[in-house]
Amino acid sequence: MDDMTLAGLRVVREVATLGSFTAAARSLGYSQPAISRQVAAMEAAAGVPLFVRNARGVSPSAAGAAVVARAGRILADVDSLRRDLDGLGDRLAGRVRLGVFPAAAAVLAPRAIARLAGEHPGLEVRLTEASTPALLREVRAGRVTVAVIGSGTGLEDYDLTGLAVRQVFAGDLCVAVPVGHRLGAAATVPVRALEGESWVVGEGHAGDPQFGAWPTLTDPVVALRTKGWQARLGLVAAGLGICLLPELAAPSVPEGVTTVRVDDPNWLGRVTLAVTRPTPGEAARAAVAALVAAGDGIRAEPGRSA
């Protein structure tokens, strides 16, 4: 057993998962003879065969299944140790309190936090979801490190005096429709195409965007009202109406829902901003950079605005 290696454990797990030496070699970037040598060495160390060869490839023996089960835990522990060691060499450590409005919590914040975890494992991120006025109060009081807010047409003219502001996403509003809906056939539709549609609407926190029908429509047909994002999108998926959605949350729509952008010359648009105290520290700057990178990633996805 002393001759078992981490490389061997990774190879055995990949072969068991894919059912073939050839597929494992392709997945891991090894040659097939190298995979065979690793498996042979692991079988020699175990003292028993780890795989049963058959016409369709290989499957783990009882001993192989036991090794694979332990391999997952061992490799996860090693990866965790590597992150801990990487963190020791990172200058940034401590806690970042990230405050976001609800739509930013769906995709933007999780991707930014994942990026921070990879680049600065010594930073601990605490996520808070609240209304924009509350977030700005928390930033000024020093209880939130970075606040993510919306700004633009239809929103309050928030007082940002004395705060540092950085745009992190320029995507606007879009419309969520059921898969197969007539509007879903195009990536962008003219605003007149929305006339006569039934809307699922809801209210956000006080001072935050209120997600009704498309803002420039007159006398829209409101079919249903509900506050939660999941409930609104669930009603859309069931074919009970369409709803307004911030574009930065579009990648989070559930199965059965797709999104379209709207060409409306009378709508001036909105942006998403990261707000900090006037002289942000290194941790705050790192968090803002992660938010910008996450926003760039959302824009780069197929079907998103460039």
C-alpha atoms as a PDB file:
ATOM      1  CA  MET A   1       0.000   0.000   0.000  1.00  0.00           C
ATOM      2  CA  ASP A   2       2.986   2.326   0.513  1.00  0.00           C
ATOM      3  CA  ASP A   3       3.476   2.377  -3.265  1.00  0.00           C
ATOM      4  CA  MET A   4       0.081   4.002  -3.981  1.00  0.00           C
ATOM      5  CA  THR A   5       0.425   7.522  -5.348  1.00  0.00           C
ATOM      6  CA  LEU A   6      -1.823  10.537  -5.790  1.00  0.00           C
ATOM      7  CA  ALA A   7      -1.328  10.314  -9.563  1.00  0.00           C
ATOM      8  CA  GLY A   8      -2.347   6.669  -9.415  1.00  0.00           C
ATOM      9  CA  LEU A   9      -5.478   7.492  -7.427  1.00  0.00           C
ATOM     10  CA  ARG A  10      -6.470  10.137  -9.992  1.00  0.00           C
ATOM     11  CA  VAL A  11      -5.936   7.665 -12.837  1.00  0.00           C
ATOM     12  CA  VAL A  12      -7.914   4.876 -11.140  1.00  0.00           C
ATOM     13  CA  ARG A  13     -10.791   7.257 -10.386  1.00  0.00           C
ATOM     14  CA  GLU A  14     -10.864   8.564 -13.979  1.00  0.00           C
ATOM     15  CA  VAL A  15     -10.742   5.084 -15.516  1.00  0.00           C
ATOM     16  CA  ALA A  16     -13.580   3.945 -13.241  1.00  0.00           C
ATOM     17  CA  THR A  17     -15.654   7.035 -14.081  1.00  0.00           C
ATOM     18  CA  LEU A  18     -15.158   6.819 -17.860  1.00  0.00           C
ATOM     19  CA  GLY A  19     -14.983   3.027 -18.191  1.00  0.00           C
ATOM     20  CA  SER A  20     -11.993   3.032 -20.521  1.00  0.00           C
ATOM     21  CA  PHE A  21      -8.221   3.497 -20.443  1.00  0.00           C
ATOM     22  CA  THR A  22      -8.419   5.430 -23.719  1.00  0.00           C
ATOM     23  CA  ALA A  23     -11.065   7.858 -22.430  1.00  0.00           C
ATOM     24  CA  ALA A  24      -9.133   8.381 -19.188  1.00  0.00           C
ATOM     25  CA  ALA A  25      -5.944   9.102 -21.146  1.00  0.00           C
ATOM     26  CA  ARG A  26      -7.773  11.688 -23.242  1.00  0.00           C
ATOM     27  CA  SER A  27      -9.352  13.300 -20.172  1.00  0.00           C
ATOM     28  CA  LEU A  28      -6.121  13.511 -18.159  1.00  0.00           C
ATOM     29  CA  GLY A  29      -3.821  14.372 -21.073  1.00  0.00           C
ATOM     30  CA  TYR A  30      -1.783  11.173 -20.704  1.00  0.00           C
ATOM     31  CA  SER A  31      -0.827   8.538 -23.274  1.00  0.00           C
ATOM     32  CA  GLN A  32      -2.710   5.240 -23.054  1.00  0.00           C
ATOM     33  CA  PRO A  33       0.495   3.315 -22.132  1.00  0.00           C
ATOM     34  CA  ALA A  34       1.031   5.758 -19.248  1.00  0.00           C
ATOM     35  CA  ILE A  35      -2.507   5.069 -17.987  1.00  0.00           C
ATOM     36  CA  SER A  36      -1.872   1.323 -18.220  1.00  0.00           C
ATOM     37  CA  ARG A  37       1.372   1.669 -16.248  1.00  0.00           C
ATOM     38  CA  GLN A  38      -0.315   3.688 -13.517  1.00  0.00           C
ATOM     39  CA  VAL A  39      -3.130   1.143 -13.177  1.00  0.00           C
ATOM     40  CA  ALA A  40      -0.643  -1.749 -13.117  1.00  0.00           C
ATOM     41  CA  ALA A  41       1.374  -0.004 -10.385  1.00  0.00           C
ATOM     42  CA  MET A  42      -1.758   0.620  -8.317  1.00  0.00           C
ATOM     43  CA  GLU A  43      -2.869  -3.006  -8.708  1.00  0.00           C
ATOM     44  CA  ALA A  44       0.585  -4.179  -7.653  1.00  0.00           C
ATOM     45  CA  ALA A  45       0.428  -1.919  -4.583  1.00  0.00           C
ATOM     46  CA  ALA A  46      -3.092  -3.136  -3.722  1.00  0.00           C
ATOM     47  CA  GLY A  47      -2.193  -6.780  -4.322  1.00  0.00           C
ATOM     48  CA  VAL A  48      -5.493  -7.405  -6.157  1.00  0.00           C
ATOM     49  CA  PRO A  49      -6.980  -6.453  -9.557  1.00  0.00           C
ATOM     50  CA  LEU A  50      -8.765  -3.098  -9.498  1.00  0.00           C
ATOM     51  CA  PHE A  51     -10.572  -3.511 -12.821  1.00  0.00           C
ATOM     52  CA  VAL A  52     -12.450  -6.197 -14.686  1.00  0.00           C
ATOM     53  CA  ARG A  53     -11.668  -6.131 -18.411  1.00  0.00           C
ATOM     54  CA  ASN A  54     -14.541  -6.775 -20.825  1.00  0.00           C
ATOM     55  CA  ALA A  55     -15.462  -6.205 -24.462  1.00  0.00           C
ATOM     56  CA  ARG A  56     -16.864  -2.735 -23.798  1.00  0.00           C
ATOM     57  CA  GLY A  57     -13.944  -1.487 -21.710  1.00  0.00           C
ATOM     58  CA  VAL A  58     -13.353  -1.890 -17.988  1.00  0.00           C
ATOM     59  CA  SER A  59     -15.352  -1.719 -14.771  1.00  0.00           C
ATOM     60  CA  PRO A  60     -14.048  -1.538 -11.203  1.00  0.00           C
ATOM     61  CA  SER A  61     -13.726  -4.749  -9.224  1.00  0.00           C
ATOM     62  CA  ALA A  62     -14.892  -4.781  -5.604  1.00  0.00           C
ATOM     63  CA  ALA A  63     -11.391  -3.683  -4.580  1.00  0.00           C
ATOM     64  CA  GLY A  64     -11.373  -1.042  -7.326  1.00  0.00           C
ATOM     65  CA  ALA A  65     -14.680   0.367  -6.116  1.00  0.00           C
ATOM     66  CA  ALA A  66     -13.238   0.650  -2.594  1.00  0.00           C
ATOM     67  CA  VAL A  67     -10.145   2.457  -3.884  1.00  0.00           C
ATOM     68  CA  VAL A  68     -12.264   4.843  -5.984  1.00  0.00           C
ATOM     69  CA  ALA A  69     -14.493   5.685  -3.001  1.00  0.00           C
ATOM     70  CA  ARG A  70     -11.471   6.551  -0.850  1.00  0.00           C
ATOM     71  CA  ALA A  71      -9.687   8.289  -3.737  1.00  0.00           C
ATOM     72  CA  GLY A  72     -12.379  10.952  -3.983  1.00  0.00           C
ATOM     73  CA  ARG A  73     -12.021  11.872  -0.311  1.00  0.00           C
ATOM     74  CA  ILE A  74      -8.215  11.738  -0.352  1.00  0.00           C
ATOM     75  CA  LEU A  75      -7.902  13.896  -3.465  1.00  0.00           C
ATOM     76  CA  ALA A  76     -10.432  16.410  -2.115  1.00  0.00           C
ATOM     77  CA  ASP A  77      -8.374  16.703   1.090  1.00  0.00           C
ATOM     78  CA  VAL A  78      -5.179  17.197  -0.916  1.00  0.00           C
ATOM     79  CA  ASP A  79      -6.823  19.897  -3.043  1.00  0.00           C
ATOM     80  CA  SER A  80      -8.065  21.611   0.134  1.00  0.00           C
ATOM     81  CA  LEU A  81      -4.554  21.482   1.599  1.00  0.00           C
ATOM     82  CA  ARG A  82      -3.160  23.009  -1.590  1.00  0.00           C
ATOM     83  CA  ARG A  83      -5.621  25.895  -1.336  1.00  0.00           C
ATOM     84  CA  ASP A  84      -4.657  26.428   2.304  1.00  0.00           C
ATOM     85  CA  LEU A  85      -0.966  26.522   1.407  1.00  0.00           C
ATOM     86  CA  ASP A  86      -1.649  28.885  -1.502  1.00  0.00           C
ATOM     87  CA  GLY A  87      -3.458  31.133   0.934  1.00  0.00           C
ATOM     88  CA  LEU A  88      -0.374  31.429   3.125  1.00  0.00           C
ATOM     89  CA  GLY A  89       1.451  33.133   0.260  1.00  0.00           C
ATOM     90  CA  ASP A  90      -1.405  35.542  -0.484  1.00  0.00           C
ATOM     91  CA  ARG A  91      -1.037  39.020   1.007  1.00  0.00           C
ATOM     92  CA  LEU A  92      -4.805  39.426   1.215  1.00  0.00           C
ATOM     93  CA  ALA A  93      -6.535  37.952   4.222  1.00  0.00           C
ATOM     94  CA  GLY A  94      -9.435  38.909   6.410  1.00  0.00           C
ATOM     95  CA  ARG A  95     -13.089  39.430   5.695  1.00  0.00           C
ATOM     96  CA  VAL A  96     -14.994  41.100   2.863  1.00  0.00           C
ATOM     97  CA  ARG A  97     -18.639  41.938   3.385  1.00  0.00           C
ATOM     98  CA  LEU A  98     -20.383  42.006   0.010  1.00  0.00           C
ATOM     99  CA  GLY A  99     -23.866  43.501  -0.124  1.00  0.00           C
ATOM    100  CA  VAL A 100     -26.062  43.039  -3.210  1.00  0.00           C
ATOM    101  CA  PHE A 101     -29.557  43.734  -4.442  1.00  0.00           C
ATOM    102  CA  PRO A 102     -31.500  40.468  -5.009  1.00  0.00           C
ATOM    103  CA  ALA A 103     -31.049  40.146  -8.787  1.00  0.00           C
ATOM    104  CA  ALA A 104     -27.278  40.455  -8.378  1.00  0.00           C
ATOM    105  CA  ALA A 105     -27.324  37.540  -5.936  1.00  0.00           C
ATOM    106  CA  ALA A 106     -28.417  35.081  -8.641  1.00  0.00           C
ATOM    107  CA  VAL A 107     -25.322  35.002 -10.866  1.00  0.00           C
ATOM    108  CA  LEU A 108     -23.012  38.008 -10.473  1.00  0.00           C
ATOM    109  CA  ALA A 109     -22.252  37.621  -6.763  1.00  0.00           C
ATOM    110  CA  PRO A 110     -21.695  33.827  -6.788  1.00  0.00           C
ATOM    111  CA  ARG A 111     -19.290  34.077  -9.721  1.00  0.00           C
ATOM    112  CA  ALA A 112     -17.389  36.945  -8.123  1.00  0.00           C
ATOM    113  CA  ILE A 113     -17.115  35.069  -4.805  1.00  0.00           C
ATOM    114  CA  ALA A 114     -15.860  31.943  -6.600  1.00  0.00           C
ATOM    115  CA  ARG A 115     -13.240  34.043  -8.363  1.00  0.00           C
ATOM    116  CA  LEU A 116     -12.112  35.598  -5.079  1.00  0.00           C
ATOM    117  CA  ALA A 117     -11.852  32.155  -3.484  1.00  0.00           C
ATOM    118  CA  GLY A 118      -9.552  31.026  -6.277  1.00  0.00           C
ATOM    119  CA  GLU A 119      -7.377  34.138  -6.403  1.00  0.00           C
ATOM    120  CA  HIS A 120      -7.333  35.080  -2.704  1.00  0.00           C
ATOM    121  CA  PRO A 121      -8.133  32.028  -0.575  1.00  0.00           C
ATOM    122  CA  GLY A 122      -7.190  33.959   2.563  1.00  0.00           C
ATOM    123  CA  LEU A 123     -10.220  36.237   2.151  1.00  0.00           C
ATOM    124  CA  GLU A 124     -13.466  35.269   3.843  1.00  0.00           C
ATOM    125  CA  VAL A 125     -16.524  36.623   2.017  1.00  0.00           C
ATOM    126  CA  ARG A 126     -19.809  37.334   3.787  1.00  0.00           C
ATOM    127  CA  LEU A 127     -22.795  37.915   1.466  1.00  0.00           C
ATOM    128  CA  THR A 128     -25.703  40.188   2.380  1.00  0.00           C
ATOM    129  CA  GLU A 129     -28.846  40.746   0.325  1.00  0.00           C
ATOM    130  CA  ALA A 130     -30.717  43.999   0.973  1.00  0.00           C
ATOM    131  CA  SER A 131     -32.352  47.043  -0.587  1.00  0.00           C
ATOM    132  CA  THR A 132     -30.118  49.616  -2.227  1.00  0.00           C
ATOM    133  CA  PRO A 133     -30.787  52.385   0.345  1.00  0.00           C
ATOM    134  CA  ALA A 134     -29.936  49.951   3.148  1.00  0.00           C
ATOM    135  CA  LEU A 135     -26.743  48.846   1.389  1.00  0.00           C
ATOM    136  CA  LEU A 136     -25.566  52.421   0.917  1.00  0.00           C
ATOM    137  CA  ARG A 137     -26.145  53.139   4.613  1.00  0.00           C
ATOM    138  CA  GLU A 138     -24.137  50.029   5.497  1.00  0.00           C
ATOM    139  CA  VAL A 139     -21.242  51.078   3.222  1.00  0.00           C
ATOM    140  CA  ARG A 140     -21.085  54.546   4.784  1.00  0.00           C
ATOM    141  CA  ALA A 141     -21.121  52.984   8.257  1.00  0.00           C
ATOM    142  CA  GLY A 142     -18.326  50.568   7.324  1.00  0.00           C
ATOM    143  CA  ARG A 143     -20.474  47.471   7.869  1.00  0.00           C
ATOM    144  CA  VAL A 144     -20.465  46.512   4.157  1.00  0.00           C
ATOM    145  CA  THR A 145     -17.183  46.537   2.220  1.00  0.00           C
ATOM    146  CA  VAL A 146     -18.660  46.603  -1.294  1.00  0.00           C
ATOM    147  CA  ALA A 147     -22.285  47.244  -2.257  1.00  0.00           C
ATOM    148  CA  VAL A 148     -23.687  46.229  -5.645  1.00  0.00           C
ATOM    149  CA  ILE A 149     -26.549  48.485  -6.740  1.00  0.00           C
ATOM    150  CA  GLY A 150     -28.532  49.314  -9.853  1.00  0.00           C
ATOM    151  CA  SER A 151     -28.593  52.793 -11.373  1.00  0.00           C
ATOM    152  CA  GLY A 152     -30.427  54.406 -14.265  1.00  0.00           C
ATOM    153  CA  THR A 153     -33.864  54.993 -15.722  1.00  0.00           C
ATOM    154  CA  GLY A 154     -36.748  54.303 -13.380  1.00  0.00           C
ATOM    155  CA  LEU A 155     -34.600  54.106 -10.234  1.00  0.00           C
ATOM    156  CA  GLU A 156     -34.057  56.618  -7.470  1.00  0.00           C
ATOM    157  CA  ASP A 157     -31.278  59.147  -7.844  1.00  0.00           C
ATOM    158  CA  TYR A 158     -29.216  57.669  -5.021  1.00  0.00           C
ATOM    159  CA  ASP A 159     -26.821  59.936  -3.155  1.00  0.00           C
ATOM    160  CA  LEU A 160     -23.340  58.586  -3.916  1.00  0.00           C
ATOM    161  CA  THR A 161     -21.480  61.676  -2.738  1.00  0.00           C
ATOM    162  CA  GLY A 162     -18.133  60.812  -1.197  1.00  0.00           C
ATOM    163  CA  LEU A 163     -18.241  57.166  -2.277  1.00  0.00           C
ATOM    164  CA  ALA A 164     -16.082  55.368  -4.849  1.00  0.00           C
ATOM    165  CA  VAL A 165     -18.141  53.980  -7.734  1.00  0.00           C
ATOM    166  CA  ARG A 166     -17.204  51.467 -10.463  1.00  0.00           C
ATOM    167  CA  GLN A 167     -19.467  50.097 -13.199  1.00  0.00           C
ATOM    168  CA  VAL A 168     -19.439  46.295 -13.135  1.00  0.00           C
ATOM    169  CA  PHE A 169     -22.180  45.429 -15.641  1.00  0.00           C
ATOM    170  CA  ALA A 170     -23.788  47.400 -18.451  1.00  0.00           C
ATOM    171  CA  GLY A 171     -26.448  44.849 -19.381  1.00  0.00           C
ATOM    172  CA  ASP A 172     -29.989  46.142 -19.183  1.00  0.00           C
ATOM    173  CA  LEU A 173     -33.404  44.598 -18.673  1.00  0.00           C
ATOM    174  CA  CYS A 174     -34.614  41.637 -20.694  1.00  0.00           C
ATOM    175  CA  VAL A 175     -37.799  39.586 -20.795  1.00  0.00           C
ATOM    176  CA  ALA A 176     -38.189  35.981 -19.642  1.00  0.00           C
ATOM    177  CA  VAL A 177     -40.589  33.897 -21.741  1.00  0.00           C
ATOM    178  CA  PRO A 178     -41.562  30.218 -21.808  1.00  0.00           C
ATOM    179  CA  VAL A 179     -39.555  27.998 -24.155  1.00  0.00           C
ATOM    180  CA  GLY A 180     -41.516  27.770 -27.400  1.00  0.00           C
ATOM    181  CA  HIS A 181     -43.141  31.196 -26.942  1.00  0.00           C
ATOM    182  CA  ARG A 182     -43.396  33.275 -30.117  1.00  0.00           C
ATOM    183  CA  LEU A 183     -41.060  35.930 -28.692  1.00  0.00           C
ATOM    184  CA  GLY A 184     -38.342  33.382 -28.027  1.00  0.00           C
ATOM    185  CA  ALA A 185     -37.629  32.843 -31.709  1.00  0.00           C
ATOM    186  CA  ALA A 186     -35.360  35.921 -31.836  1.00  0.00           C
ATOM    187  CA  ALA A 187     -32.554  37.160 -29.586  1.00  0.00           C
ATOM    188  CA  THR A 188     -33.986  40.716 -29.712  1.00  0.00           C
ATOM    189  CA  VAL A 189     -37.579  41.826 -30.292  1.00  0.00           C
ATOM    190  CA  PRO A 190     -39.037  45.306 -30.928  1.00  0.00           C
ATOM    191  CA  VAL A 191     -40.909  46.768 -27.993  1.00  0.00           C
ATOM    192  CA  ARG A 192     -44.172  46.727 -29.964  1.00  0.00           C
ATOM    193  CA  ALA A 193     -43.996  42.916 -29.984  1.00  0.00           C
ATOM    194  CA  LEU A 194     -44.647  42.960 -26.220  1.00  0.00           C
ATOM    195  CA  GLU A 195     -48.073  44.554 -26.590  1.00  0.00           C
ATOM    196  CA  GLY A 196     -50.955  42.318 -25.531  1.00  0.00           C
ATOM    197  CA  GLU A 197     -48.763  39.876 -23.588  1.00  0.00           C
ATOM    198  CA  SER A 198     -49.763  38.748 -20.093  1.00  0.00           C
ATOM    199  CA  TRP A 199     -47.232  39.724 -17.395  1.00  0.00           C
ATOM    200  CA  VAL A 200     -46.162  38.135 -14.139  1.00  0.00           C
ATOM    201  CA  VAL A 201     -45.093  41.055 -11.939  1.00  0.00           C
ATOM    202  CA  GLY A 202     -43.670  41.551  -8.456  1.00  0.00           C
ATOM    203  CA  GLU A 203     -42.378  44.101  -6.011  1.00  0.00           C
ATOM    204  CA  GLY A 204     -38.797  44.301  -4.800  1.00  0.00           C
ATOM    205  CA  HIS A 205     -37.435  45.944  -1.669  1.00  0.00           C
ATOM    206  CA  ALA A 206     -38.377  49.565  -1.072  1.00  0.00           C
ATOM    207  CA  GLY A 207     -36.080  51.771  -3.118  1.00  0.00           C
ATOM    208  CA  ASP A 208     -35.087  48.935  -5.424  1.00  0.00           C
ATOM    209  CA  PRO A 209     -36.351  48.144  -8.942  1.00  0.00           C
ATOM    210  CA  GLN A 210     -39.999  47.210  -9.008  1.00  0.00           C
ATOM    211  CA  PHE A 211     -40.371  44.482 -11.603  1.00  0.00           C
ATOM    212  CA  GLY A 212     -43.627  45.103 -13.353  1.00  0.00           C
ATOM    213  CA  ALA A 213     -44.190  44.957 -17.108  1.00  0.00           C
ATOM    214  CA  TRP A 214     -41.766  46.494 -19.612  1.00  0.00           C
ATOM    215  CA  PRO A 215     -41.345  50.094 -18.352  1.00  0.00           C
ATOM    216  CA  THR A 216     -42.490  51.977 -21.453  1.00  0.00           C
ATOM    217  CA  LEU A 217     -45.638  49.935 -22.126  1.00  0.00           C
ATOM    218  CA  THR A 218     -48.985  51.638 -21.533  1.00  0.00           C
ATOM    219  CA  ASP A 219     -51.820  49.606 -19.959  1.00  0.00           C
ATOM    220  CA  PRO A 220     -49.987  46.246 -19.800  1.00  0.00           C
ATOM    221  CA  VAL A 221     -52.011  43.124 -19.015  1.00  0.00           C
ATOM    222  CA  VAL A 222     -51.038  41.878 -15.534  1.00  0.00           C
ATOM    223  CA  ALA A 223     -51.919  38.209 -15.113  1.00  0.00           C
ATOM    224  CA  LEU A 224     -50.288  37.369 -11.774  1.00  0.00           C
ATOM    225  CA  ARG A 225     -48.387  39.054  -8.936  1.00  0.00           C
ATOM    226  CA  THR A 226     -45.743  37.461  -6.727  1.00  0.00           C
ATOM    227  CA  LYS A 227     -42.682  38.795  -4.906  1.00  0.00           C
ATOM    228  CA  GLY A 228     -40.064  36.069  -5.273  1.00  0.00           C
ATOM    229  CA  TRP A 229     -37.845  35.608  -8.333  1.00  0.00           C
ATOM    230  CA  GLN A 230     -38.223  31.830  -8.287  1.00  0.00           C
ATOM    231  CA  ALA A 231     -42.000  32.051  -8.140  1.00  0.00           C
ATOM    232  CA  ARG A 232     -42.127  34.529 -11.038  1.00  0.00           C
ATOM    233  CA  LEU A 233     -39.878  32.388 -13.224  1.00  0.00           C
ATOM    234  CA  GLY A 234     -41.789  29.255 -12.243  1.00  0.00           C
ATOM    235  CA  LEU A 235     -45.030  30.859 -13.417  1.00  0.00           C
ATOM    236  CA  VAL A 236     -43.333  31.827 -16.674  1.00  0.00           C
ATOM    237  CA  ALA A 237     -42.050  28.266 -17.161  1.00  0.00           C
ATOM    238  CA  ALA A 238     -45.625  27.032 -16.690  1.00  0.00           C
ATOM    239  CA  GLY A 239     -46.755  29.259 -19.570  1.00  0.00           C
ATOM    240  CA  LEU A 240     -48.802  31.619 -17.393  1.00  0.00           C
ATOM    241  CA  GLY A 241     -47.163  34.822 -18.602  1.00  0.00           C
ATOM    242  CA  ILE A 242     -43.864  36.585 -19.242  1.00  0.00           C
ATOM    243  CA  CYS A 243     -41.805  38.666 -16.835  1.00  0.00           C
ATOM    244  CA  LEU A 244     -39.172  41.365 -16.633  1.00  0.00           C
ATOM    245  CA  LEU A 245     -35.671  40.256 -15.660  1.00  0.00           C
ATOM    246  CA  PRO A 246     -32.363  42.093 -15.172  1.00  0.00           C
ATOM    247  CA  GLU A 247     -29.992  40.813 -17.848  1.00  0.00           C
ATOM    248  CA  LEU A 248     -27.285  40.061 -15.298  1.00  0.00           C
ATOM    249  CA  ALA A 249     -29.611  37.380 -13.846  1.00  0.00           C
ATOM    250  CA  ALA A 250     -30.493  35.856 -17.224  1.00  0.00           C
ATOM    251  CA  PRO A 251     -28.057  32.905 -16.924  1.00  0.00           C
ATOM    252  CA  SER A 252     -29.961  31.723 -13.830  1.00  0.00           C
ATOM    253  CA  VAL A 253     -33.328  31.109 -15.499  1.00  0.00           C
ATOM    254  CA  PRO A 254     -34.692  27.580 -14.897  1.00  0.00           C
ATOM    255  CA  GLU A 255     -35.440  24.902 -17.459  1.00  0.00           C
ATOM    256  CA  GLY A 256     -38.422  25.861 -19.581  1.00  0.00           C
ATOM    257  CA  VAL A 257     -37.558  29.569 -19.648  1.00  0.00           C
ATOM    258  CA  THR A 258     -35.534  31.596 -22.129  1.00  0.00           C
ATOM    259  CA  THR A 259     -34.741  35.305 -22.318  1.00  0.00           C
ATOM    260  CA  VAL A 260     -34.954  37.916 -25.081  1.00  0.00           C
ATOM    261  CA  ARG A 261     -33.676  41.472 -25.263  1.00  0.00           C
ATOM    262  CA  VAL A 262     -35.919  44.375 -26.225  1.00  0.00           C
ATOM    263  CA  ASP A 263     -35.191  47.097 -28.766  1.00  0.00           C
ATOM    264  CA  ASP A 264     -36.844  50.171 -27.271  1.00  0.00           C
ATOM    265  CA  PRO A 265     -35.568  53.644 -28.320  1.00  0.00           C
ATOM    266  CA  ASN A 266     -37.563  55.228 -25.472  1.00  0.00           C
ATOM    267  CA  TRP A 267     -35.782  53.221 -22.753  1.00  0.00           C
ATOM    268  CA  LEU A 268     -32.478  54.770 -21.644  1.00  0.00           C
ATOM    269  CA  GLY A 269     -31.339  51.750 -19.667  1.00  0.00           C
ATOM    270  CA  ARG A 270     -29.632  50.856 -16.417  1.00  0.00           C
ATOM    271  CA  VAL A 271     -26.210  49.774 -15.212  1.00  0.00           C
ATOM    272  CA  THR A 272     -24.928  47.824 -12.214  1.00  0.00           C
ATOM    273  CA  LEU A 273     -22.414  49.571  -9.951  1.00  0.00           C
ATOM    274  CA  ALA A 274     -20.017  48.539  -7.207  1.00  0.00           C
ATOM    275  CA  VAL A 275     -19.840  51.117  -4.420  1.00  0.00           C
ATOM    276  CA  THR A 276     -17.213  51.358  -1.684  1.00  0.00           C
ATOM    277  CA  ARG A 277     -15.991  53.926   0.812  1.00  0.00           C
ATOM    278  CA  PRO A 278     -13.841  56.664  -0.796  1.00  0.00           C
ATOM    279  CA  THR A 279     -10.489  54.965  -0.124  1.00  0.00           C
ATOM    280  CA  PRO A 280     -11.105  51.218  -0.456  1.00  0.00           C
ATOM    281  CA  GLY A 281      -8.505  48.829   0.905  1.00  0.00           C
ATOM    282  CA  GLU A 282      -6.844  46.038  -1.035  1.00  0.00           C
ATOM    283  CA  ALA A 283      -9.541  43.517  -0.129  1.00  0.00           C
ATOM    284  CA  ALA A 284     -12.282  45.864  -1.350  1.00  0.00           C
ATOM    285  CA  ARG A 285     -10.385  46.504  -4.597  1.00  0.00           C
ATOM    286  CA  ALA A 286      -9.977  42.766  -5.116  1.00  0.00           C
ATOM    287  CA  ALA A 287     -13.710  42.246  -4.594  1.00  0.00           C
ATOM    288  CA  VAL A 288     -14.573  44.989  -7.097  1.00  0.00           C
ATOM    289  CA  ALA A 289     -12.156  43.478  -9.637  1.00  0.00           C
ATOM    290  CA  ALA A 290     -13.831  40.079  -9.169  1.00  0.00           C
ATOM    291  CA  LEU A 291     -17.251  41.654  -9.746  1.00  0.00           C
ATOM    292  CA  VAL A 292     -16.036  43.340 -12.943  1.00  0.00           C
ATOM    293  CA  ALA A 293     -14.587  40.049 -14.194  1.00  0.00           C
ATOM    294  CA  ALA A 294     -17.824  38.228 -13.356  1.00  0.00           C
ATOM    295  CA  GLY A 295     -19.819  40.878 -15.221  1.00  0.00           C
ATOM    296  CA  ASP A 296     -17.519  40.563 -18.234  1.00  0.00           C
ATOM    297  CA  GLY A 297     -18.091  36.794 -18.160  1.00  0.00           C
ATOM    298  CA  ILE A 298     -21.868  37.217 -18.203  1.00  0.00           C
ATOM    299  CA  ARG A 299     -21.656  39.645 -21.142  1.00  0.00           C
ATOM    300  CA  ALA A 300     -19.428  37.204 -23.054  1.00  0.00           C
ATOM    301  CA  GLU A 301     -21.927  34.354 -22.870  1.00  0.00           C
ATOM    302  CA  PRO A 302     -23.825  33.510 -26.084  1.00  0.00           C
ATOM    303  CA  GLY A 303     -26.869  35.683 -26.508  1.00  0.00           C
ATOM    304  CA  ARG A 304     -25.700  38.383 -24.076  1.00  0.00           C
ATOM    305  CA  SER A 305     -24.883  41.967 -24.989  1.00  0.00           C
ATOM    306  CA  ALA A 306     -21.251  42.676 -25.890  1.00  0.00           C
END
